[in-house]
Every structure is written in C-alpha cells, then in structure tokens.
C-alpha cells in the first residue's frame, strides 16, 4: 500500500512516501510564511525518486492542524487535489495527536504545545501508554502560563511552542519535562504511517471531507464571509 503524507501545519513542512510501513522518500523544508513554493516541487521529487506516479498512490494523508492558517490551506488543497485526481481516499491527522505519537509508551502524560500566535499555543493532554495517543481532554488555545496552571504532575511538553515561547516556561518546575527540539513539528513520515493505520481501521474517506482544525478564528475574514 502506497501512502503519501503531507505536513504543512507548522513552519517546518514536509512530504513523505511510504509503502506499507517502509519509508521510501521524504523531504522537509522550512517556510516561515508560505509552503506553496516548496510543496509541489517536493511532492514531484519524492515521487520521481521513488519511481512512482501520482496515480499509483493508494491513500493521501494530511496533517489538518491545529497550526498555521495559510499552511493548513495549502497542504489540504494539495492533498485534496492529488486524491481527487487519482480517485483515491484521503485522511486527516491532528497535529497534536501526531506530536504526542512521537512519545509512545510514556509513563508521564504528554501535552503537545503548537504555536498559534497571539501568545498562545494549541494544546491537549494525551496518554501514550498503549503506544497510540489517547486524548484526556479537549483541545484548547492557551497561553504558556495557562498551560502551566493546568499541570497536575510531571508532564512531557512537546512541540514548537517550547521554542517560540522559550522564556515563558518556568525554569526548575519539576512538573515540566521538555521533549527534544527534533520533535517540535509533525513529521510527514508520521502522517503517512498513522494515516495508513487509520485507513486500515476504516477511518479514511473522500478527499472533499478533509477539514482543517483551527485552534482559534483567523485574524481576519472577508466582509460577509463566515469564519471557518
């Protein structure tokens, strides 16, 4: 089974192609503003290097947020376009779930913190003891201080919010365990691998059903246009 994974929810974007559970090719790039100029060339390069065509892809998996509004729209448009053109299903993966999934079998709860600007992070608490992240509450948009207030014991924080708001996490607070910087962003390989697992569990669907997850309303909307 050939699965294409796309990750554009945070400034570090990426594309990966897997066959069953083997990663064939992956590319990453840093785009603080827009992923558009990098995404399509990376998609083409990944497919070319693997010797595959878009129509050979069996499933398109995309990170659907929370994260950057512009990044999410670019990634979802690409995922929907490729899946529709090939007549294949698609599946969306939550960026908080993906980050928690990088710390499986943890004896401490895991709390991803994804920067959503305005001094806030998108966050939720997960239990990863079983290997698969299980949410222990709803997603919230909070300041770092509010995240700290919610900690009731040792908790592993993971995500780019740790670096963006580096000076706002109390030093010496033994409740806070920092994940390493290389886990700050959802990996496209993880998008593809979790997407495959969820597809086999019957959770994929038509590409037009993909919807972004926003932690808060966008900064601006057109007059008369409802907020997503």
C-alpha atoms as a PDB file:
ATOM      1  CA  UNK A   1       0.000   0.000   0.000  1.00  0.00           C
ATOM      2  CA  UNK A   2       1.464   3.314  -1.129  1.00  0.00           C
ATOM      3  CA  UNK A   3       0.680   6.298   1.132  1.00  0.00           C
ATOM      4  CA  UNK A   4       1.620   9.936   0.636  1.00  0.00           C
ATOM      5  CA  UNK A   5       1.895  12.052   3.794  1.00  0.00           C
ATOM      6  CA  UNK A   6       1.821  15.870   3.843  1.00  0.00           C
ATOM      7  CA  UNK A   7       2.648  18.128   6.784  1.00  0.00           C
ATOM      8  CA  UNK A   8       2.244  21.919   6.448  1.00  0.00           C
ATOM      9  CA  UNK A   9       0.660  22.930   9.777  1.00  0.00           C
ATOM     10  CA  UNK A  10       3.850  24.461  11.196  1.00  0.00           C
ATOM     11  CA  UNK A  11       6.823  26.360   9.688  1.00  0.00           C
ATOM     12  CA  UNK A  12       8.682  23.072   9.094  1.00  0.00           C
ATOM     13  CA  UNK A  13       6.812  21.384   6.248  1.00  0.00           C
ATOM     14  CA  UNK A  14       7.348  18.005   4.699  1.00  0.00           C
ATOM     15  CA  UNK A  15       6.255  15.271   2.318  1.00  0.00           C
ATOM     16  CA  UNK A  16       6.835  11.533   2.687  1.00  0.00           C
ATOM     17  CA  UNK A  17       6.010   8.464   0.654  1.00  0.00           C
ATOM     18  CA  UNK A  18       5.697   5.081   2.357  1.00  0.00           C
ATOM     19  CA  UNK A  19       4.964   1.595   1.070  1.00  0.00           C
ATOM     20  CA  UNK A  20       3.261  -0.452   3.763  1.00  0.00           C
ATOM     21  CA  UNK A  21       5.377   0.566   6.784  1.00  0.00           C
ATOM     22  CA  UNK A  22       8.606   1.350   4.888  1.00  0.00           C
ATOM     23  CA  UNK A  23       9.548   4.984   4.220  1.00  0.00           C
ATOM     24  CA  UNK A  24      10.592   5.265   0.566  1.00  0.00           C
ATOM     25  CA  UNK A  25      11.311   9.003   0.336  1.00  0.00           C
ATOM     26  CA  UNK A  26      10.850  12.105   2.465  1.00  0.00           C
ATOM     27  CA  UNK A  27      11.596  15.802   2.059  1.00  0.00           C
ATOM     28  CA  UNK A  28      11.389  18.669   4.547  1.00  0.00           C
ATOM     29  CA  UNK A  29      11.691  22.433   4.245  1.00  0.00           C
ATOM     30  CA  UNK A  30      11.370  25.495   6.459  1.00  0.00           C
ATOM     31  CA  UNK A  31       8.843  28.107   5.327  1.00  0.00           C
ATOM     32  CA  UNK A  32       8.023  30.719   7.979  1.00  0.00           C
ATOM     33  CA  UNK A  33       5.429  32.340   5.672  1.00  0.00           C
ATOM     34  CA  UNK A  34       4.188  30.094   2.882  1.00  0.00           C
ATOM     35  CA  UNK A  35       4.619  26.435   1.977  1.00  0.00           C
ATOM     36  CA  UNK A  36       3.275  26.933  -1.537  1.00  0.00           C
ATOM     37  CA  UNK A  37       6.615  27.421  -3.295  1.00  0.00           C
ATOM     38  CA  UNK A  38       8.124  24.282  -1.701  1.00  0.00           C
ATOM     39  CA  UNK A  39       5.265  21.782  -1.534  1.00  0.00           C
ATOM     40  CA  UNK A  40       4.657  20.879  -5.169  1.00  0.00           C
ATOM     41  CA  UNK A  41       8.361  20.582  -6.123  1.00  0.00           C
ATOM     42  CA  UNK A  42       8.880  18.362  -3.059  1.00  0.00           C
ATOM     43  CA  UNK A  43       5.897  16.191  -3.981  1.00  0.00           C
ATOM     44  CA  UNK A  44       7.238  15.723  -7.503  1.00  0.00           C
ATOM     45  CA  UNK A  45      10.761  14.978  -6.264  1.00  0.00           C
ATOM     46  CA  UNK A  46       9.566  12.383  -3.745  1.00  0.00           C
ATOM     47  CA  UNK A  47       7.524  10.557  -6.370  1.00  0.00           C
ATOM     48  CA  UNK A  48      10.275  10.755  -9.002  1.00  0.00           C
ATOM     49  CA  UNK A  49      12.977   9.489  -6.639  1.00  0.00           C
ATOM     50  CA  UNK A  50      10.755   6.574  -5.629  1.00  0.00           C
ATOM     51  CA  UNK A  51       9.957   5.831  -9.278  1.00  0.00           C
ATOM     52  CA  UNK A  52       6.216   6.228  -8.709  1.00  0.00           C
ATOM     53  CA  UNK A  53       3.434   8.284 -10.268  1.00  0.00           C
ATOM     54  CA  UNK A  54       0.587  10.143  -8.536  1.00  0.00           C
ATOM     55  CA  UNK A  55      -1.918   7.562  -9.794  1.00  0.00           C
ATOM     56  CA  UNK A  56      -0.041   4.773  -8.016  1.00  0.00           C
ATOM     57  CA  UNK A  57      -0.687   6.383  -4.619  1.00  0.00           C
ATOM     58  CA  UNK A  58      -3.381   4.456  -2.727  1.00  0.00           C
ATOM     59  CA  UNK A  59      -4.028   6.985   0.051  1.00  0.00           C
ATOM     60  CA  UNK A  60      -3.261  10.635   0.714  1.00  0.00           C
ATOM     61  CA  UNK A  61      -2.800  11.589   4.370  1.00  0.00           C
ATOM     62  CA  UNK A  62      -2.521  15.183   5.558  1.00  0.00           C
ATOM     63  CA  UNK A  63      -1.903  16.953   8.842  1.00  0.00           C
ATOM     64  CA  UNK A  64      -5.056  19.038   9.320  1.00  0.00           C
ATOM     65  CA  UNK A  65      -3.940  21.206  12.248  1.00  0.00           C
ATOM     66  CA  UNK A  66      -4.113  22.985  14.501  1.00  0.00           C
ATOM     67  CA  UNK A  67      -1.369  25.235  13.225  1.00  0.00           C
ATOM     68  CA  UNK A  68      -0.795  27.934  10.626  1.00  0.00           C
ATOM     69  CA  UNK A  69      -3.958  29.001   8.778  1.00  0.00           C
ATOM     70  CA  UNK A  70      -2.139  29.560   5.481  1.00  0.00           C
ATOM     71  CA  UNK A  71      -0.050  26.406   5.818  1.00  0.00           C
ATOM     72  CA  UNK A  72      -3.096  24.268   6.504  1.00  0.00           C
ATOM     73  CA  UNK A  73      -4.974  25.605   3.486  1.00  0.00           C
ATOM     74  CA  UNK A  74      -2.012  24.985   1.172  1.00  0.00           C
ATOM     75  CA  UNK A  75      -1.496  21.429   2.428  1.00  0.00           C
ATOM     76  CA  UNK A  76      -5.160  20.455   2.370  1.00  0.00           C
ATOM     77  CA  UNK A  77      -5.659  21.873  -1.115  1.00  0.00           C
ATOM     78  CA  UNK A  78      -2.721  19.781  -2.352  1.00  0.00           C
ATOM     79  CA  UNK A  79      -3.934  16.644  -0.570  1.00  0.00           C
ATOM     80  CA  UNK A  80      -7.464  17.019  -1.905  1.00  0.00           C
ATOM     81  CA  UNK A  81      -6.251  17.780  -5.419  1.00  0.00           C
ATOM     82  CA  UNK A  82      -3.974  14.742  -5.583  1.00  0.00           C
ATOM     83  CA  UNK A  83      -6.538  12.371  -4.091  1.00  0.00           C
ATOM     84  CA  UNK A  84      -9.338  13.616  -6.357  1.00  0.00           C
ATOM     85  CA  UNK A  85      -7.156  13.391  -9.480  1.00  0.00           C
ATOM     86  CA  UNK A  86      -6.164   9.808  -8.645  1.00  0.00           C
ATOM     87  CA  UNK A  87      -9.619   8.769  -7.428  1.00  0.00           C
ATOM     88  CA  UNK A  88      -8.196   7.785  -4.042  1.00  0.00           C
ATOM     89  CA  UNK A  89      -9.374   8.267  -0.428  1.00  0.00           C
ATOM     90  CA  UNK A  90      -7.817  10.759   1.955  1.00  0.00           C
ATOM     91  CA  UNK A  91      -7.434  11.049   5.695  1.00  0.00           C
ATOM     92  CA  UNK A  92      -6.619  13.896   8.075  1.00  0.00           C
ATOM     93  CA  UNK A  93      -4.403  13.649  11.161  1.00  0.00           C
ATOM     94  CA  UNK A  94      -4.472  16.043  14.124  1.00  0.00           C
ATOM     95  CA  UNK A  95      -1.098  17.766  14.666  1.00  0.00           C
ATOM     96  CA  UNK A  96      -1.402  17.389  18.462  1.00  0.00           C
ATOM     97  CA  UNK A  97      -2.032  13.648  18.062  1.00  0.00           C
ATOM     98  CA  UNK A  98       0.977  13.375  15.741  1.00  0.00           C
ATOM     99  CA  UNK A  99       3.292  15.128  18.213  1.00  0.00           C
ATOM    100  CA  UNK A 100       2.074  13.003  21.130  1.00  0.00           C
ATOM    101  CA  UNK A 101       2.651   9.948  18.949  1.00  0.00           C
ATOM    102  CA  UNK A 102       6.378  10.709  18.908  1.00  0.00           C
ATOM    103  CA  UNK A 103       6.488   9.759  22.615  1.00  0.00           C
ATOM    104  CA  UNK A 104       4.819   6.318  22.770  1.00  0.00           C
ATOM    105  CA  UNK A 105       4.628   4.232  25.949  1.00  0.00           C
ATOM    106  CA  UNK A 106       5.418   7.237  28.140  1.00  0.00           C
ATOM    107  CA  UNK A 107       4.779   6.781  31.874  1.00  0.00           C
ATOM    108  CA  UNK A 108       4.052  10.513  32.054  1.00  0.00           C
ATOM    109  CA  UNK A 109       1.187  12.238  30.227  1.00  0.00           C
ATOM    110  CA  UNK A 110       2.180  14.124  27.084  1.00  0.00           C
ATOM    111  CA  UNK A 111       0.995  17.655  26.297  1.00  0.00           C
ATOM    112  CA  UNK A 112       1.764  18.981  22.782  1.00  0.00           C
ATOM    113  CA  UNK A 113       2.105  22.767  22.512  1.00  0.00           C
ATOM    114  CA  UNK A 114       1.780  24.154  18.963  1.00  0.00           C
ATOM    115  CA  UNK A 115       2.278  27.866  18.380  1.00  0.00           C
ATOM    116  CA  UNK A 116      -0.885  29.531  17.030  1.00  0.00           C
ATOM    117  CA  UNK A 117       0.416  33.101  17.526  1.00  0.00           C
ATOM    118  CA  UNK A 118      -1.046  35.893  19.649  1.00  0.00           C
ATOM    119  CA  UNK A 119       0.993  34.487  22.532  1.00  0.00           C
ATOM    120  CA  UNK A 120      -0.946  31.221  22.569  1.00  0.00           C
ATOM    121  CA  UNK A 121      -0.434  27.533  21.884  1.00  0.00           C
ATOM    122  CA  UNK A 122      -2.903  24.882  20.813  1.00  0.00           C
ATOM    123  CA  UNK A 123      -2.688  22.102  23.364  1.00  0.00           C
ATOM    124  CA  UNK A 124      -4.338  18.968  24.725  1.00  0.00           C
ATOM    125  CA  UNK A 125      -3.326  16.228  27.139  1.00  0.00           C
ATOM    126  CA  UNK A 126      -2.590  12.683  25.913  1.00  0.00           C
ATOM    127  CA  UNK A 127      -1.899   9.302  27.452  1.00  0.00           C
ATOM    128  CA  UNK A 128       0.518   7.294  25.285  1.00  0.00           C
ATOM    129  CA  UNK A 129       0.982   4.212  27.481  1.00  0.00           C
ATOM    130  CA  UNK A 130      -0.697   1.948  24.920  1.00  0.00           C
ATOM    131  CA  UNK A 131       1.558   3.191  22.104  1.00  0.00           C
ATOM    132  CA  UNK A 132      -1.278   5.149  20.473  1.00  0.00           C
ATOM    133  CA  UNK A 133      -2.018   8.629  21.873  1.00  0.00           C
ATOM    134  CA  UNK A 134      -5.346   8.763  23.693  1.00  0.00           C
ATOM    135  CA  UNK A 135      -6.744  12.232  24.477  1.00  0.00           C
ATOM    136  CA  UNK A 136      -7.537  13.065  28.087  1.00  0.00           C
ATOM    137  CA  UNK A 137      -9.499  16.217  27.352  1.00  0.00           C
ATOM    138  CA  UNK A 138     -10.381  18.700  24.630  1.00  0.00           C
ATOM    139  CA  UNK A 139      -8.034  20.854  22.580  1.00  0.00           C
ATOM    140  CA  UNK A 140      -7.602  24.367  23.988  1.00  0.00           C
ATOM    141  CA  UNK A 141      -5.869  27.559  22.922  1.00  0.00           C
ATOM    142  CA  UNK A 142      -3.893  28.783  25.962  1.00  0.00           C
ATOM    143  CA  UNK A 143      -1.004  30.996  26.976  1.00  0.00           C
ATOM    144  CA  UNK A 144       2.083  29.183  28.330  1.00  0.00           C
ATOM    145  CA  UNK A 145       1.145  30.424  31.827  1.00  0.00           C
ATOM    146  CA  UNK A 146      -2.306  28.840  31.485  1.00  0.00           C
ATOM    147  CA  UNK A 147      -0.732  25.569  30.326  1.00  0.00           C
ATOM    148  CA  UNK A 148       1.465  25.542  33.427  1.00  0.00           C
ATOM    149  CA  UNK A 149      -1.571  26.178  35.632  1.00  0.00           C
ATOM    150  CA  UNK A 150      -3.183  23.005  34.282  1.00  0.00           C
ATOM    151  CA  UNK A 151      -0.238  20.728  35.085  1.00  0.00           C
ATOM    152  CA  UNK A 152      -1.068  18.426  37.988  1.00  0.00           C
ATOM    153  CA  UNK A 153       2.106  16.341  37.908  1.00  0.00           C
ATOM    154  CA  UNK A 154       5.136  15.524  35.730  1.00  0.00           C
ATOM    155  CA  UNK A 155       4.138  16.117  32.112  1.00  0.00           C
ATOM    156  CA  UNK A 156       6.143  15.951  28.895  1.00  0.00           C
ATOM    157  CA  UNK A 157       5.706  19.047  26.732  1.00  0.00           C
ATOM    158  CA  UNK A 158       6.391  18.634  23.018  1.00  0.00           C
ATOM    159  CA  UNK A 159       6.078  20.998  20.070  1.00  0.00           C
ATOM    160  CA  UNK A 160       7.361  24.258  18.624  1.00  0.00           C
ATOM    161  CA  UNK A 161       5.627  26.241  21.380  1.00  0.00           C
ATOM    162  CA  UNK A 162       8.516  25.242  23.636  1.00  0.00           C
ATOM    163  CA  UNK A 163      10.953  27.196  21.479  1.00  0.00           C
ATOM    164  CA  UNK A 164       8.679  30.063  20.358  1.00  0.00           C
ATOM    165  CA  UNK A 165       7.834  30.876  23.992  1.00  0.00           C
ATOM    166  CA  UNK A 166      11.099  29.652  25.476  1.00  0.00           C
ATOM    167  CA  UNK A 167      11.270  32.354  28.137  1.00  0.00           C
ATOM    168  CA  UNK A 168       7.761  31.700  29.415  1.00  0.00           C
ATOM    169  CA  UNK A 169       8.172  28.136  30.720  1.00  0.00           C
ATOM    170  CA  UNK A 170       9.261  28.238  34.385  1.00  0.00           C
ATOM    171  CA  UNK A 171      12.809  27.045  34.947  1.00  0.00           C
ATOM    172  CA  UNK A 172      13.126  24.453  37.689  1.00  0.00           C
ATOM    173  CA  UNK A 173       9.432  23.450  37.682  1.00  0.00           C
ATOM    174  CA  UNK A 174       9.689  19.681  38.178  1.00  0.00           C
ATOM    175  CA  UNK A 175       6.289  19.159  36.538  1.00  0.00           C
ATOM    176  CA  UNK A 176       7.663  20.218  33.153  1.00  0.00           C
ATOM    177  CA  UNK A 177       9.651  17.704  31.067  1.00  0.00           C
ATOM    178  CA  UNK A 178      10.822  19.092  27.708  1.00  0.00           C
ATOM    179  CA  UNK A 179      10.845  16.901  24.609  1.00  0.00           C
ATOM    180  CA  UNK A 180      13.877  17.463  22.324  1.00  0.00           C
ATOM    181  CA  UNK A 181      13.740  20.109  19.548  1.00  0.00           C
ATOM    182  CA  UNK A 182      13.740  17.490  16.772  1.00  0.00           C
ATOM    183  CA  UNK A 183      10.173  16.623  17.830  1.00  0.00           C
ATOM    184  CA  UNK A 184       8.915  20.223  17.524  1.00  0.00           C
ATOM    185  CA  UNK A 185       6.997  19.653  14.277  1.00  0.00           C
ATOM    186  CA  UNK A 186       4.761  16.882  12.898  1.00  0.00           C
ATOM    187  CA  UNK A 187       6.842  14.613  10.660  1.00  0.00           C
ATOM    188  CA  UNK A 188       5.436  13.734   7.216  1.00  0.00           C
ATOM    189  CA  UNK A 189       6.541  10.123   7.772  1.00  0.00           C
ATOM    190  CA  UNK A 190       4.347  10.004  10.887  1.00  0.00           C
ATOM    191  CA  UNK A 191       1.435  11.499   8.927  1.00  0.00           C
ATOM    192  CA  UNK A 192       1.751   8.717   6.343  1.00  0.00           C
ATOM    193  CA  UNK A 193       2.231   5.895   8.882  1.00  0.00           C
ATOM    194  CA  UNK A 194      -0.643   6.921  11.179  1.00  0.00           C
ATOM    195  CA  UNK A 195      -2.754   7.648   8.107  1.00  0.00           C
ATOM    196  CA  UNK A 196      -2.199   4.119   6.842  1.00  0.00           C
ATOM    197  CA  UNK A 197      -3.109   2.641  10.233  1.00  0.00           C
ATOM    198  CA  UNK A 198      -6.307   4.674  10.462  1.00  0.00           C
ATOM    199  CA  UNK A 199      -7.239   3.872   6.853  1.00  0.00           C
ATOM    200  CA  UNK A 200      -6.927   0.156   7.600  1.00  0.00           C
ATOM    201  CA  UNK A 201      -9.225   0.787  10.581  1.00  0.00           C
ATOM    202  CA  UNK A 202     -11.830   2.223   8.211  1.00  0.00           C
ATOM    203  CA  UNK A 203     -11.347   5.912   9.079  1.00  0.00           C
ATOM    204  CA  UNK A 204     -10.489   7.387   5.667  1.00  0.00           C
ATOM    205  CA  UNK A 205     -12.998   8.968   3.328  1.00  0.00           C
ATOM    206  CA  UNK A 206     -13.469  11.098   0.224  1.00  0.00           C
ATOM    207  CA  UNK A 207     -10.906  13.897  -0.157  1.00  0.00           C
ATOM    208  CA  UNK A 208     -13.568  16.611  -0.094  1.00  0.00           C
ATOM    209  CA  UNK A 209     -14.327  15.587   3.508  1.00  0.00           C
ATOM    210  CA  UNK A 210     -10.912  16.835   4.721  1.00  0.00           C
ATOM    211  CA  UNK A 211     -11.371  19.804   7.048  1.00  0.00           C
ATOM    212  CA  UNK A 212      -8.776  21.940   8.851  1.00  0.00           C
ATOM    213  CA  UNK A 213      -8.694  22.102  12.645  1.00  0.00           C
ATOM    214  CA  UNK A 214      -8.322  25.672  13.866  1.00  0.00           C
ATOM    215  CA  UNK A 215      -7.350  26.490  17.435  1.00  0.00           C
ATOM    216  CA  UNK A 216      -8.996  29.897  17.138  1.00  0.00           C
ATOM    217  CA  UNK A 217     -10.664  32.046  14.431  1.00  0.00           C
ATOM    218  CA  UNK A 218      -8.344  33.534  11.772  1.00  0.00           C
ATOM    219  CA  UNK A 219      -7.007  37.060  12.252  1.00  0.00           C
ATOM    220  CA  UNK A 220      -9.236  38.439   9.517  1.00  0.00           C
ATOM    221  CA  UNK A 221     -12.091  37.315   7.287  1.00  0.00           C
ATOM    222  CA  UNK A 222     -13.645  38.905   4.236  1.00  0.00           C
ATOM    223  CA  UNK A 223     -16.742  41.061   4.847  1.00  0.00           C
ATOM    224  CA  UNK A 224     -19.848  38.885   4.854  1.00  0.00           C
ATOM    225  CA  UNK A 225     -17.759  35.693   4.998  1.00  0.00           C
ATOM    226  CA  UNK A 226     -18.378  33.360   7.947  1.00  0.00           C
ATOM    227  CA  UNK A 227     -15.346  32.272   9.948  1.00  0.00           C
ATOM    228  CA  UNK A 228     -14.354  28.602   9.425  1.00  0.00           C
END
